[in-house]
Amino acid sequence: LERFSNSLNKKNNEYFVPTVFGNFPNEGLVLMEWVESPSLE
């Protein structure tokens, strides 16, 4: 997410991945943007 947010998440772009805010690998946690949009499903 860190890699793709740097390339995809541009102003006025329609295509995104959640922005990440932190990582706790030993605990298995990722902090990321909460997205309210409904799924395609």
Full PDB file with SEQRES, HELIX, SHEET, SSBOND, CRYST1, ORIGX, SCALE, CONECT and MASTER records, all heavy atoms in Angstrom:
SEQRES   1 A   41  LEU GLU ARG PHE SER ASN SER LEU ASN LYS LYS ASN ASN          
SEQRES   2 A   41  GLU TYR PHE VAL PRO THR VAL PHE GLY ASN PHE PRO ASN          
SEQRES   3 A   41  GLU GLY LEU VAL LEU MET GLU TRP VAL GLU SER PRO SER          
SEQRES   4 A   41  LEU GLU                                                      
HELIX    1 AA1 GLU A    2  LEU A    8  1                                   7    
SHEET    1 AA1 2 VAL A  20  PHE A  24  0                                        
SHEET    2 AA1 2 LEU A  29  MET A  32 -1                                        
CRYST1    1.000    1.000    1.000  90.00  90.00  90.00 P 1           1          
ORIGX1      1.000000  0.000000  0.000000        0.00000                         
ORIGX2      0.000000  1.000000  0.000000        0.00000                         
ORIGX3      0.000000  0.000000  1.000000        0.00000                         
SCALE1      1.000000  0.000000  0.000000        0.00000                         
SCALE2      0.000000  1.000000  0.000000        0.00000                         
SCALE3      0.000000  0.000000  1.000000        0.00000                         
ATOM      1  N   LEU A   1       0.824  -1.205   0.000  1.00  0.00           N  
ATOM      2  CA  LEU A   1       0.000   0.000   0.000  1.00  0.00           C  
ATOM      3  C   LEU A   1       0.860   1.259   0.000  1.00  0.00           C  
ATOM      4  O   LEU A   1       0.532   2.249  -0.654  1.00  0.00           O  
ATOM      5  CB  LEU A   1      -0.940  -0.003   1.202  1.00  0.00           C  
ATOM      6  CG  LEU A   1      -2.057  -1.046   1.178  1.00  0.00           C  
ATOM      7  CD1 LEU A   1      -2.906  -0.957   2.439  1.00  0.00           C  
ATOM      8  CD2 LEU A   1      -2.935  -0.882  -0.056  1.00  0.00           C  
ATOM      9  N   GLU A   2       1.969   1.230   0.736  1.00  0.00           N  
ATOM     10  CA  GLU A   2       2.855   2.391   0.748  1.00  0.00           C  
ATOM     11  C   GLU A   2       3.413   2.644  -0.644  1.00  0.00           C  
ATOM     12  O   GLU A   2       3.468   3.787  -1.118  1.00  0.00           O  
ATOM     13  CB  GLU A   2       3.994   2.164   1.742  1.00  0.00           C  
ATOM     14  CG  GLU A   2       4.899   3.378   1.897  1.00  0.00           C  
ATOM     15  CD  GLU A   2       5.984   3.153   2.926  1.00  0.00           C  
ATOM     16  OE1 GLU A   2       6.623   2.076   2.888  1.00  0.00           O  
ATOM     17  OE2 GLU A   2       6.186   4.041   3.770  1.00  0.00           O  
ATOM     18  N   ARG A   3       3.806   1.567  -1.318  1.00  0.00           N  
ATOM     19  CA  ARG A   3       4.386   1.719  -2.666  1.00  0.00           C  
ATOM     20  C   ARG A   3       3.373   2.260  -3.657  1.00  0.00           C  
ATOM     21  O   ARG A   3       3.643   3.199  -4.407  1.00  0.00           O  
ATOM     22  CB  ARG A   3       4.920   0.349  -3.126  1.00  0.00           C  
ATOM     23  CG  ARG A   3       5.391   0.299  -4.583  1.00  0.00           C  
ATOM     24  CD  ARG A   3       6.341  -0.876  -4.784  1.00  0.00           C  
ATOM     25  NE  ARG A   3       5.781  -2.115  -4.298  1.00  0.00           N  
ATOM     26  CZ  ARG A   3       5.192  -3.032  -5.083  1.00  0.00           C  
ATOM     27  NH1 ARG A   3       5.068  -2.805  -6.369  1.00  0.00           N  
ATOM     28  NH2 ARG A   3       4.735  -4.151  -4.582  1.00  0.00           N  
ATOM     29  N   PHE A   4       2.172   1.672  -3.660  1.00  0.00           N  
ATOM     30  CA  PHE A   4       1.190   2.070  -4.669  1.00  0.00           C  
ATOM     31  C   PHE A   4       0.487   3.382  -4.323  1.00  0.00           C  
ATOM     32  O   PHE A   4       0.032   4.095  -5.222  1.00  0.00           O  
ATOM     33  CB  PHE A   4       0.176   0.950  -4.891  1.00  0.00           C  
ATOM     34  CG  PHE A   4       0.704  -0.172  -5.727  1.00  0.00           C  
ATOM     35  CD1 PHE A   4       1.053  -1.375  -5.141  1.00  0.00           C  
ATOM     36  CD2 PHE A   4       0.896  -0.020  -7.085  1.00  0.00           C  
ATOM     37  CE1 PHE A   4       1.564  -2.414  -5.901  1.00  0.00           C  
ATOM     38  CE2 PHE A   4       1.409  -1.049  -7.860  1.00  0.00           C  
ATOM     39  CZ  PHE A   4       1.748  -2.250  -7.265  1.00  0.00           C  
ATOM     40  N   SER A   5       0.370   3.718  -3.046  1.00  0.00           N  
ATOM     41  CA  SER A   5      -0.251   4.997  -2.706  1.00  0.00           C  
ATOM     42  C   SER A   5       0.612   6.152  -3.197  1.00  0.00           C  
ATOM     43  O   SER A   5       0.098   7.209  -3.591  1.00  0.00           O  
ATOM     44  CB  SER A   5      -0.483   5.110  -1.200  1.00  0.00           C  
ATOM     45  OG  SER A   5       0.735   5.082  -0.487  1.00  0.00           O  
ATOM     46  N   ASN A   6       1.927   5.961  -3.219  1.00  0.00           N  
ATOM     47  CA  ASN A   6       2.823   7.007  -3.706  1.00  0.00           C  
ATOM     48  C   ASN A   6       2.668   7.248  -5.201  1.00  0.00           C  
ATOM     49  O   ASN A   6       2.892   8.360  -5.686  1.00  0.00           O  
ATOM     50  CB  ASN A   6       4.282   6.653  -3.398  1.00  0.00           C  
ATOM     51  CG  ASN A   6       4.603   6.767  -1.919  1.00  0.00           C  
ATOM     52  OD1 ASN A   6       3.987   7.544  -1.208  1.00  0.00           O  
ATOM     53  ND2 ASN A   6       5.567   5.989  -1.457  1.00  0.00           N  
ATOM     54  N   SER A   7       2.295   6.208  -5.948  1.00  0.00           N  
ATOM     55  CA  SER A   7       2.185   6.354  -7.404  1.00  0.00           C  
ATOM     56  C   SER A   7       0.753   6.579  -7.876  1.00  0.00           C  
ATOM     57  O   SER A   7       0.514   7.298  -8.846  1.00  0.00           O  
ATOM     58  CB  SER A   7       2.761   5.118  -8.101  1.00  0.00           C  
ATOM     59  OG  SER A   7       2.132   3.937  -7.654  1.00  0.00           O  
ATOM     60  N   LEU A   8      -0.231   5.989  -7.169  1.00  0.00           N  
ATOM     61  CA  LEU A   8      -1.629   6.074  -7.619  1.00  0.00           C  
ATOM     62  C   LEU A   8      -2.389   7.265  -7.036  1.00  0.00           C  
ATOM     63  O   LEU A   8      -3.172   7.907  -7.734  1.00  0.00           O  
ATOM     64  CB  LEU A   8      -2.383   4.788  -7.249  1.00  0.00           C  
ATOM     65  CG  LEU A   8      -2.247   3.583  -8.172  1.00  0.00           C  
ATOM     66  CD1 LEU A   8      -3.002   2.400  -7.590  1.00  0.00           C  
ATOM     67  CD2 LEU A   8      -2.759   3.886  -9.565  1.00  0.00           C  
ATOM     68  N   ASN A   9      -2.182   7.544  -5.757  1.00  0.00           N  
ATOM     69  CA  ASN A   9      -3.032   8.516  -5.062  1.00  0.00           C  
ATOM     70  C   ASN A   9      -2.624   9.952  -5.378  1.00  0.00           C  
ATOM     71  O   ASN A   9      -2.000  10.627  -4.573  1.00  0.00           O  
ATOM     72  CB  ASN A   9      -2.981   8.277  -3.548  1.00  0.00           C  
ATOM     73  CG  ASN A   9      -3.547   6.922  -3.169  1.00  0.00           C  
ATOM     74  OD1 ASN A   9      -3.997   6.162  -4.011  1.00  0.00           O  
ATOM     75  ND2 ASN A   9      -3.521   6.622  -1.883  1.00  0.00           N  
ATOM     76  N   LYS A  10      -2.983  10.394  -6.573  1.00  0.00           N  
ATOM     77  CA  LYS A  10      -2.673  11.754  -6.996  1.00  0.00           C  
ATOM     78  C   LYS A  10      -3.938  12.607  -6.953  1.00  0.00           C  
ATOM     79  O   LYS A  10      -5.060  12.100  -7.104  1.00  0.00           O  
ATOM     80  CB  LYS A  10      -2.122  11.755  -8.435  1.00  0.00           C  
ATOM     81  CG  LYS A  10      -0.926  10.840  -8.656  1.00  0.00           C  
ATOM     82  CD  LYS A  10       0.290  11.256  -7.842  1.00  0.00           C  
ATOM     83  CE  LYS A  10       1.495  10.371  -8.169  1.00  0.00           C  
ATOM     84  NZ  LYS A  10       2.664  10.689  -7.334  1.00  0.00           N  
ATOM     85  N   LYS A  11      -3.759  13.900  -6.751  1.00  0.00           N  
ATOM     86  CA  LYS A  11      -4.880  14.831  -6.727  1.00  0.00           C  
ATOM     87  C   LYS A  11      -5.625  14.777  -8.053  1.00  0.00           C  
ATOM     88  O   LYS A  11      -5.017  14.726  -9.121  1.00  0.00           O  
ATOM     89  CB  LYS A  11      -4.377  16.255  -6.454  1.00  0.00           C  
ATOM     90  CG  LYS A  11      -5.499  17.256  -6.207  1.00  0.00           C  
ATOM     91  CD  LYS A  11      -4.940  18.623  -5.832  1.00  0.00           C  
ATOM     92  CE  LYS A  11      -6.080  19.600  -5.565  1.00  0.00           C  
ATOM     93  NZ  LYS A  11      -5.569  20.953  -5.192  1.00  0.00           N  
ATOM     94  N   ASN A  12      -6.950  14.764  -7.983  1.00  0.00           N  
ATOM     95  CA  ASN A  12      -7.836  14.711  -9.152  1.00  0.00           C  
ATOM     96  C   ASN A  12      -7.795  13.367  -9.873  1.00  0.00           C  
ATOM     97  O   ASN A  12      -8.344  13.232 -10.967  1.00  0.00           O  
ATOM     98  CB  ASN A  12      -7.508  15.839 -10.143  1.00  0.00           C  
ATOM     99  CG  ASN A  12      -7.688  17.227  -9.543  1.00  0.00           C  
ATOM    100  OD1 ASN A  12      -8.599  17.451  -8.755  1.00  0.00           O  
ATOM    101  ND2 ASN A  12      -6.809  18.144  -9.912  1.00  0.00           N  
ATOM    102  N   ASN A  13      -7.124  12.386  -9.290  1.00  0.00           N  
ATOM    103  CA  ASN A  13      -7.138  11.045  -9.865  1.00  0.00           C  
ATOM    104  C   ASN A  13      -8.363  10.294  -9.331  1.00  0.00           C  
ATOM    105  O   ASN A  13      -8.817  10.533  -8.217  1.00  0.00           O  
ATOM    106  CB  ASN A  13      -5.859  10.291  -9.478  1.00  0.00           C  
ATOM    107  CG  ASN A  13      -5.688   9.006 -10.259  1.00  0.00           C  
ATOM    108  OD1 ASN A  13      -6.387   8.757 -11.221  1.00  0.00           O  
ATOM    109  ND2 ASN A  13      -4.732   8.187  -9.838  1.00  0.00           N  
ATOM    110  N   GLU A  14      -8.894   9.374 -10.135  1.00  0.00           N  
ATOM    111  CA  GLU A  14     -10.071   8.611  -9.721  1.00  0.00           C  
ATOM    112  C   GLU A  14      -9.683   7.285  -9.082  1.00  0.00           C  
ATOM    113  O   GLU A  14     -10.497   6.628  -8.447  1.00  0.00           O  
ATOM    114  CB  GLU A  14     -10.979   8.351 -10.938  1.00  0.00           C  
ATOM    115  CG  GLU A  14     -12.306   7.709 -10.605  1.00  0.00           C  
ATOM    116  CD  GLU A  14     -13.173   7.424 -11.822  1.00  0.00           C  
ATOM    117  OE1 GLU A  14     -12.732   7.710 -12.950  1.00  0.00           O  
ATOM    118  OE2 GLU A  14     -14.296   6.905 -11.643  1.00  0.00           O  
ATOM    119  N   TYR A  15      -8.430   6.889  -9.215  1.00  0.00           N  
ATOM    120  CA  TYR A  15      -8.009   5.551  -8.827  1.00  0.00           C  
ATOM    121  C   TYR A  15      -7.090   5.611  -7.611  1.00  0.00           C  
ATOM    122  O   TYR A  15      -6.070   6.320  -7.626  1.00  0.00           O  
ATOM    123  CB  TYR A  15      -7.307   4.870 -10.008  1.00  0.00           C  
ATOM    124  CG  TYR A  15      -8.088   4.993 -11.296  1.00  0.00           C  
ATOM    125  CD1 TYR A  15      -7.578   5.680 -12.382  1.00  0.00           C  
ATOM    126  CD2 TYR A  15      -9.377   4.458 -11.391  1.00  0.00           C  
ATOM    127  CE1 TYR A  15      -8.307   5.815 -13.552  1.00  0.00           C  
ATOM    128  CE2 TYR A  15     -10.113   4.593 -12.551  1.00  0.00           C  
ATOM    129  CZ  TYR A  15      -9.578   5.272 -13.630  1.00  0.00           C  
ATOM    130  OH  TYR A  15     -10.318   5.411 -14.771  1.00  0.00           O  
ATOM    131  N   PHE A  16      -7.428   4.829  -6.574  1.00  0.00           N  
ATOM    132  CA  PHE A  16      -6.737   4.935  -5.293  1.00  0.00           C  
ATOM    133  C   PHE A  16      -6.469   3.562  -4.678  1.00  0.00           C  
ATOM    134  O   PHE A  16      -7.091   2.553  -5.045  1.00  0.00           O  
ATOM    135  CB  PHE A  16      -7.585   5.736  -4.294  1.00  0.00           C  
ATOM    136  CG  PHE A  16      -7.728   7.194  -4.619  1.00  0.00           C  
ATOM    137  CD1 PHE A  16      -8.713   7.628  -5.482  1.00  0.00           C  
ATOM    138  CD2 PHE A  16      -6.869   8.131  -4.061  1.00  0.00           C  
ATOM    139  CE1 PHE A  16      -8.852   8.984  -5.791  1.00  0.00           C  
ATOM    140  CE2 PHE A  16      -6.989   9.477  -4.357  1.00  0.00           C  
ATOM    141  CZ  PHE A  16      -7.989   9.900  -5.230  1.00  0.00           C  
ATOM    142  N   VAL A  17      -5.552   3.565  -3.716  1.00  0.00           N  
ATOM    143  CA  VAL A  17      -5.433   2.505  -2.715  1.00  0.00           C  
ATOM    144  C   VAL A  17      -5.446   3.217  -1.364  1.00  0.00           C  
ATOM    145  O   VAL A  17      -5.152   4.422  -1.293  1.00  0.00           O  
ATOM    146  CB  VAL A  17      -4.143   1.678  -2.881  1.00  0.00           C  
ATOM    147  CG1 VAL A  17      -4.105   0.984  -4.225  1.00  0.00           C  
ATOM    148  CG2 VAL A  17      -2.902   2.546  -2.687  1.00  0.00           C  
ATOM    149  N   PRO A  18      -5.790   2.536  -0.278  1.00  0.00           N  
ATOM    150  CA  PRO A  18      -5.796   3.208   1.032  1.00  0.00           C  
ATOM    151  C   PRO A  18      -4.408   3.720   1.417  1.00  0.00           C  
ATOM    152  O   PRO A  18      -3.402   3.029   1.242  1.00  0.00           O  
ATOM    153  CB  PRO A  18      -6.268   2.110   1.992  1.00  0.00           C  
ATOM    154  CG  PRO A  18      -7.003   1.134   1.128  1.00  0.00           C  
ATOM    155  CD  PRO A  18      -6.286   1.155  -0.184  1.00  0.00           C  
ATOM    156  N   THR A  19      -4.360   4.929   1.949  1.00  0.00           N  
ATOM    157  CA  THR A  19      -3.110   5.487   2.480  1.00  0.00           C  
ATOM    158  C   THR A  19      -2.787   4.809   3.807  1.00  0.00           C  
ATOM    159  O   THR A  19      -3.668   4.599   4.640  1.00  0.00           O  
ATOM    160  CB  THR A  19      -3.255   7.001   2.695  1.00  0.00           C  
ATOM    161  OG1 THR A  19      -3.565   7.614   1.429  1.00  0.00           O  
ATOM    162  CG2 THR A  19      -1.971   7.597   3.242  1.00  0.00           C  
ATOM    163  N   VAL A  20      -1.527   4.453   4.017  1.00  0.00           N  
ATOM    164  CA  VAL A  20      -1.138   3.789   5.260  1.00  0.00           C  
ATOM    165  C   VAL A  20      -0.562   4.804   6.247  1.00  0.00           C  
ATOM    166  O   VAL A  20       0.063   5.791   5.856  1.00  0.00           O  
ATOM    167  CB  VAL A  20      -0.130   2.654   5.002  1.00  0.00           C  
ATOM    168  CG1 VAL A  20      -0.808   1.460   4.376  1.00  0.00           C  
ATOM    169  CG2 VAL A  20       1.032   3.126   4.130  1.00  0.00           C  
ATOM    170  N   PHE A  21      -0.780   4.521   7.544  1.00  0.00           N  
ATOM    171  CA  PHE A  21      -0.334   5.411   8.602  1.00  0.00           C  
ATOM    172  C   PHE A  21       0.647   4.744   9.565  1.00  0.00           C  
ATOM    173  O   PHE A  21       1.253   5.418  10.386  1.00  0.00           O  
ATOM    174  CB  PHE A  21      -1.532   5.927   9.402  1.00  0.00           C  
ATOM    175  CG  PHE A  21      -2.395   6.888   8.633  1.00  0.00           C  
ATOM    176  CD1 PHE A  21      -3.340   6.434   7.738  1.00  0.00           C  
ATOM    177  CD2 PHE A  21      -2.246   8.252   8.805  1.00  0.00           C  
ATOM    178  CE1 PHE A  21      -4.134   7.312   7.014  1.00  0.00           C  
ATOM    179  CE2 PHE A  21      -3.037   9.151   8.098  1.00  0.00           C  
ATOM    180  CZ  PHE A  21      -3.982   8.681   7.198  1.00  0.00           C  
ATOM    181  N   GLY A  22       0.771   3.430   9.485  1.00  0.00           N  
ATOM    182  CA  GLY A  22       1.691   2.756  10.390  1.00  0.00           C  
ATOM    183  C   GLY A  22       1.608   1.249  10.249  1.00  0.00           C  
ATOM    184  O   GLY A  22       0.689   0.705   9.627  1.00  0.00           O  
ATOM    185  N   ASN A  23       2.576   0.577  10.873  1.00  0.00           N  
ATOM    186  CA  ASN A  23       2.688  -0.871  10.728  1.00  0.00           C  
ATOM    187  C   ASN A  23       3.278  -1.462  11.996  1.00  0.00           C  
ATOM    188  O   ASN A  23       4.284  -0.968  12.515  1.00  0.00           O  
ATOM    189  CB  ASN A  23       3.589  -1.174   9.519  1.00  0.00           C  
ATOM    190  CG  ASN A  23       3.808  -2.655   9.315  1.00  0.00           C  
ATOM    191  OD1 ASN A  23       2.923  -3.460   9.596  1.00  0.00           O  
ATOM    192  ND2 ASN A  23       4.976  -3.012   8.825  1.00  0.00           N  
ATOM    193  N   PHE A  24       2.623  -2.504  12.515  1.00  0.00           N  
ATOM    194  CA  PHE A  24       3.131  -3.241  13.664  1.00  0.00           C  
ATOM    195  C   PHE A  24       3.246  -4.719  13.249  1.00  0.00           C  
ATOM    196  O   PHE A  24       2.356  -5.525  13.544  1.00  0.00           O  
ATOM    197  CB  PHE A  24       2.188  -3.098  14.862  1.00  0.00           C  
ATOM    198  CG  PHE A  24       2.082  -1.704  15.403  1.00  0.00           C  
ATOM    199  CD1 PHE A  24       1.241  -0.773  14.812  1.00  0.00           C  
ATOM    200  CD2 PHE A  24       2.840  -1.300  16.493  1.00  0.00           C  
ATOM    201  CE1 PHE A  24       1.146   0.523  15.295  1.00  0.00           C  
ATOM    202  CE2 PHE A  24       2.753  -0.014  16.994  1.00  0.00           C  
ATOM    203  CZ  PHE A  24       1.912   0.905  16.382  1.00  0.00           C  
ATOM    204  N   PRO A  25       4.318  -5.080  12.545  1.00  0.00           N  
ATOM    205  CA  PRO A  25       4.416  -6.428  11.969  1.00  0.00           C  
ATOM    206  C   PRO A  25       4.406  -7.548  13.005  1.00  0.00           C  
ATOM    207  O   PRO A  25       3.850  -8.623  12.751  1.00  0.00           O  
ATOM    208  CB  PRO A  25       5.738  -6.385  11.189  1.00  0.00           C  
ATOM    209  CG  PRO A  25       6.501  -5.235  11.768  1.00  0.00           C  
ATOM    210  CD  PRO A  25       5.485  -4.249  12.220  1.00  0.00           C  
ATOM    211  N   ASN A  26       5.012  -7.341  14.179  1.00  0.00           N  
ATOM    212  CA  ASN A  26       5.033  -8.397  15.196  1.00  0.00           C  
ATOM    213  C   ASN A  26       3.633  -8.712  15.715  1.00  0.00           C  
ATOM    214  O   ASN A  26       3.341  -9.844  16.110  1.00  0.00           O  
ATOM    215  CB  ASN A  26       5.939  -7.993  16.359  1.00  0.00           C  
ATOM    216  CG  ASN A  26       7.396  -7.933  15.958  1.00  0.00           C  
ATOM    217  OD1 ASN A  26       7.820  -8.600  15.007  1.00  0.00           O  
ATOM    218  ND2 ASN A  26       8.183  -7.125  16.663  1.00  0.00           N  
ATOM    219  N   GLU A  27       2.787  -7.694  15.757  1.00  0.00           N  
ATOM    220  CA  GLU A  27       1.410  -7.884  16.227  1.00  0.00           C  
ATOM    221  C   GLU A  27       0.437  -8.149  15.067  1.00  0.00           C  
ATOM    222  O   GLU A  27      -0.746  -8.400  15.289  1.00  0.00           O  
ATOM    223  CB  GLU A  27       0.930  -6.653  16.997  1.00  0.00           C  
ATOM    224  CG  GLU A  27       1.637  -6.424  18.327  1.00  0.00           C  
ATOM    225  CD  GLU A  27       3.007  -5.794  18.161  1.00  0.00           C  
ATOM    226  OE1 GLU A  27       3.310  -5.306  17.035  1.00  0.00           O  
ATOM    227  OE2 GLU A  27       3.774  -5.768  19.148  1.00  0.00           O  
ATOM    228  N   GLY A  28       0.922  -8.053  13.836  1.00  0.00           N  
ATOM    229  CA  GLY A  28       0.064  -8.286  12.670  1.00  0.00           C  
ATOM    230  C   GLY A  28      -0.917  -7.166  12.415  1.00  0.00           C  
ATOM    231  O   GLY A  28      -2.033  -7.419  11.948  1.00  0.00           O  
ATOM    232  N   LEU A  29      -0.506  -5.903  12.692  1.00  0.00           N  
ATOM    233  CA  LEU A  29      -1.408  -4.759  12.539  1.00  0.00           C  
ATOM    234  C   LEU A  29      -0.931  -3.817  11.437  1.00  0.00           C  
ATOM    235  O   LEU A  29       0.270  -3.582  11.288  1.00  0.00           O  
ATOM    236  CB  LEU A  29      -1.504  -3.952  13.839  1.00  0.00           C  
ATOM    237  CG  LEU A  29      -2.040  -4.616  15.102  1.00  0.00           C  
ATOM    238  CD1 LEU A  29      -2.148  -3.576  16.206  1.00  0.00           C  
ATOM    239  CD2 LEU A  29      -3.388  -5.250  14.851  1.00  0.00           C  
ATOM    240  N   VAL A  30      -1.906  -3.276  10.696  1.00  0.00           N  
ATOM    241  CA  VAL A  30      -1.637  -2.207   9.741  1.00  0.00           C  
ATOM    242  C   VAL A  30      -2.623  -1.080  10.022  1.00  0.00           C  
ATOM    243  O   VAL A  30      -3.823  -1.326  10.226  1.00  0.00           O  
ATOM    244  CB  VAL A  30      -1.813  -2.678   8.285  1.00  0.00           C  
ATOM    245  CG1 VAL A  30      -1.512  -1.528   7.314  1.00  0.00           C  
ATOM    246  CG2 VAL A  30      -0.915  -3.856   7.971  1.00  0.00           C  
ATOM    247  N   LEU A  31      -2.132   0.155  10.043  1.00  0.00           N  
ATOM    248  CA  LEU A  31      -2.987   1.328  10.194  1.00  0.00           C  
ATOM    249  C   LEU A  31      -3.150   1.949   8.814  1.00  0.00           C  
ATOM    250  O   LEU A  31      -2.151   2.280   8.157  1.00  0.00           O  
ATOM    251  CB  LEU A  31      -2.365   2.343  11.151  1.00  0.00           C  
ATOM    252  CG  LEU A  31      -1.858   1.813  12.492  1.00  0.00           C  
ATOM    253  CD1 LEU A  31      -1.287   2.965  13.326  1.00  0.00           C  
ATOM    254  CD2 LEU A  31      -2.981   1.114  13.254  1.00  0.00           C  
ATOM    255  N   MET A  32      -4.383   2.116   8.376  1.00  0.00           N  
ATOM    256  CA  MET A  32      -4.625   2.629   7.029  1.00  0.00           C  
ATOM    257  C   MET A  32      -5.887   3.478   6.996  1.00  0.00           C  
ATOM    258  O   MET A  32      -6.698   3.467   7.931  1.00  0.00           O  
ATOM    259  CB  MET A  32      -4.750   1.470   6.033  1.00  0.00           C  
ATOM    260  CG  MET A  32      -5.955   0.567   6.258  1.00  0.00           C  
ATOM    261  SD  MET A  32      -6.082  -0.747   5.029  1.00  0.00           S  
ATOM    262  CE  MET A  32      -4.718  -1.798   5.518  1.00  0.00           C  
ATOM    263  N   GLU A  33      -6.026   4.196   5.904  1.00  0.00           N  
ATOM    264  CA  GLU A  33      -7.206   5.022   5.686  1.00  0.00           C  
ATOM    265  C   GLU A  33      -8.476   4.173   5.714  1.00  0.00           C  
ATOM    266  O   GLU A  33      -8.517   3.081   5.154  1.00  0.00           O  
ATOM    267  CB  GLU A  33      -7.063   5.707   4.329  1.00  0.00           C  
ATOM    268  CG  GLU A  33      -8.266   6.479   3.845  1.00  0.00           C  
ATOM    269  CD  GLU A  33      -8.112   6.927   2.407  1.00  0.00           C  
ATOM    270  OE1 GLU A  33      -7.112   6.543   1.759  1.00  0.00           O  
ATOM    271  OE2 GLU A  33      -8.998   7.657   1.930  1.00  0.00           O  
ATOM    272  N   TRP A  34      -9.499   4.672   6.400  1.00  0.00           N  
ATOM    273  CA  TRP A  34     -10.824   4.024   6.386  1.00  0.00           C  
ATOM    274  C   TRP A  34     -11.583   4.528   5.165  1.00  0.00           C  
ATOM    275  O   TRP A  34     -11.734   5.730   4.980  1.00  0.00           O  
ATOM    276  CB  TRP A  34     -11.586   4.356   7.661  1.00  0.00           C  
ATOM    277  CG  TRP A  34     -12.940   3.713   7.727  1.00  0.00           C  
ATOM    278  CD1 TRP A  34     -14.089   4.160   7.143  1.00  0.00           C  
ATOM    279  CD2 TRP A  34     -13.280   2.496   8.400  1.00  0.00           C  
ATOM    280  NE1 TRP A  34     -15.126   3.307   7.416  1.00  0.00           N  
ATOM    281  CE2 TRP A  34     -14.657   2.275   8.188  1.00  0.00           C  
ATOM    282  CE3 TRP A  34     -12.551   1.591   9.172  1.00  0.00           C  
ATOM    283  CZ2 TRP A  34     -15.322   1.175   8.724  1.00  0.00           C  
ATOM    284  CZ3 TRP A  34     -13.208   0.486   9.695  1.00  0.00           C  
ATOM    285  CH2 TRP A  34     -14.581   0.297   9.473  1.00  0.00           C  
ATOM    286  N   VAL A  35     -12.049   3.604   4.325  1.00  0.00           N  
ATOM    287  CA  VAL A  35     -12.770   3.977   3.102  1.00  0.00           C  
ATOM    288  C   VAL A  35     -14.233   3.596   3.259  1.00  0.00           C  
ATOM    289  O   VAL A  35     -14.554   2.424   3.489  1.00  0.00           O  
ATOM    290  CB  VAL A  35     -12.156   3.274   1.868  1.00  0.00           C  
ATOM    291  CG1 VAL A  35     -12.870   3.716   0.594  1.00  0.00           C  
ATOM    292  CG2 VAL A  35     -10.659   3.565   1.768  1.00  0.00           C  
ATOM    293  N   GLU A  36     -15.111   4.571   3.128  1.00  0.00           N  
ATOM    294  CA  GLU A  36     -16.544   4.340   3.330  1.00  0.00           C  
ATOM    295  C   GLU A  36     -17.254   3.768   2.107  1.00  0.00           C  
ATOM    296  O   GLU A  36     -18.378   3.312   2.194  1.00  0.00           O  
ATOM    297  CB  GLU A  36     -17.233   5.660   3.715  1.00  0.00           C  
ATOM    298  CG  GLU A  36     -16.955   6.121   5.138  1.00  0.00           C  
ATOM    299  CD  GLU A  36     -17.638   5.255   6.192  1.00  0.00           C  
ATOM    300  OE1 GLU A  36     -18.453   4.391   5.819  1.00  0.00           O  
ATOM    301  OE2 GLU A  36     -17.347   5.442   7.383  1.00  0.00           O  
ATOM    302  N   SER A  37     -16.622   3.800   0.953  1.00  0.00           N  
ATOM    303  CA  SER A  37     -17.294   3.387  -0.284  1.00  0.00           C  
ATOM    304  C   SER A  37     -17.753   1.929  -0.219  1.00  0.00           C  
ATOM    305  O   SER A  37     -17.044   1.077   0.327  1.00  0.00           O  
ATOM    306  CB  SER A  37     -16.339   3.558  -1.466  1.00  0.00           C  
ATOM    307  OG  SER A  37     -15.832   4.866  -1.532  1.00  0.00           O  
ATOM    308  N   PRO A  38     -18.926   1.602  -0.801  1.00  0.00           N  
ATOM    309  CA  PRO A  38     -19.378   0.214  -0.834  1.00  0.00           C  
ATOM    310  C   PRO A  38     -18.560  -0.608  -1.820  1.00  0.00           C  
ATOM    311  O   PRO A  38     -17.963  -0.067  -2.755  1.00  0.00           O  
ATOM    312  CB  PRO A  38     -20.836   0.334  -1.303  1.00  0.00           C  
ATOM    313  CG  PRO A  38     -20.874   1.598  -2.094  1.00  0.00           C  
ATOM    314  CD  PRO A  38     -19.891   2.527  -1.432  1.00  0.00           C  
ATOM    315  N   SER A  39     -18.529  -1.907  -1.598  1.00  0.00           N  
ATOM    316  CA  SER A  39     -17.795  -2.790  -2.504  1.00  0.00           C  
ATOM    317  C   SER A  39     -18.574  -2.992  -3.796  1.00  0.00           C  
ATOM    318  O   SER A  39     -19.795  -2.807  -3.863  1.00  0.00           O  
ATOM    319  CB  SER A  39     -17.562  -4.150  -1.836  1.00  0.00           C  
ATOM    320  OG  SER A  39     -18.805  -4.814  -1.646  1.00  0.00           O  
ATOM    321  N   LEU A  40     -17.851  -3.386  -4.837  1.00  0.00           N  
ATOM    322  CA  LEU A  40     -18.510  -3.748  -6.096  1.00  0.00           C  
ATOM    323  C   LEU A  40     -19.504  -4.882  -5.861  1.00  0.00           C  
ATOM    324  O   LEU A  40     -20.572  -4.921  -6.479  1.00  0.00           O  
ATOM    325  CB  LEU A  40     -17.462  -4.165  -7.131  1.00  0.00           C  
ATOM    326  CG  LEU A  40     -18.022  -4.630  -8.481  1.00  0.00           C  
ATOM    327  CD1 LEU A  40     -18.634  -3.466  -9.242  1.00  0.00           C  
ATOM    328  CD2 LEU A  40     -16.935  -5.308  -9.312  1.00  0.00           C  
ATOM    329  N   GLU A  41     -19.151  -5.800  -4.978  1.00  0.00           N  
ATOM    330  CA  GLU A  41     -20.033  -6.929  -4.652  1.00  0.00           C  
ATOM    331  C   GLU A  41     -21.421  -6.435  -4.264  1.00  0.00           C  
ATOM    332  O   GLU A  41     -22.447  -6.938  -4.765  1.00  0.00           O  
ATOM    333  CB  GLU A  41     -19.413  -7.724  -3.508  1.00  0.00           C  
ATOM    334  CG  GLU A  41     -20.239  -8.895  -3.031  1.00  0.00           C  
ATOM    335  CD  GLU A  41     -19.583  -9.602  -1.860  1.00  0.00           C  
ATOM    336  OE1 GLU A  41     -18.947  -8.929  -1.030  1.00  0.00           O  
ATOM    337  OE2 GLU A  41     -19.730 -10.822  -1.765  1.00  0.00           O  
TER     338      GLU A  41                                                      
MASTER        0    0    0    1    2    0    0    6  337    1    0    4          
END                                                                             
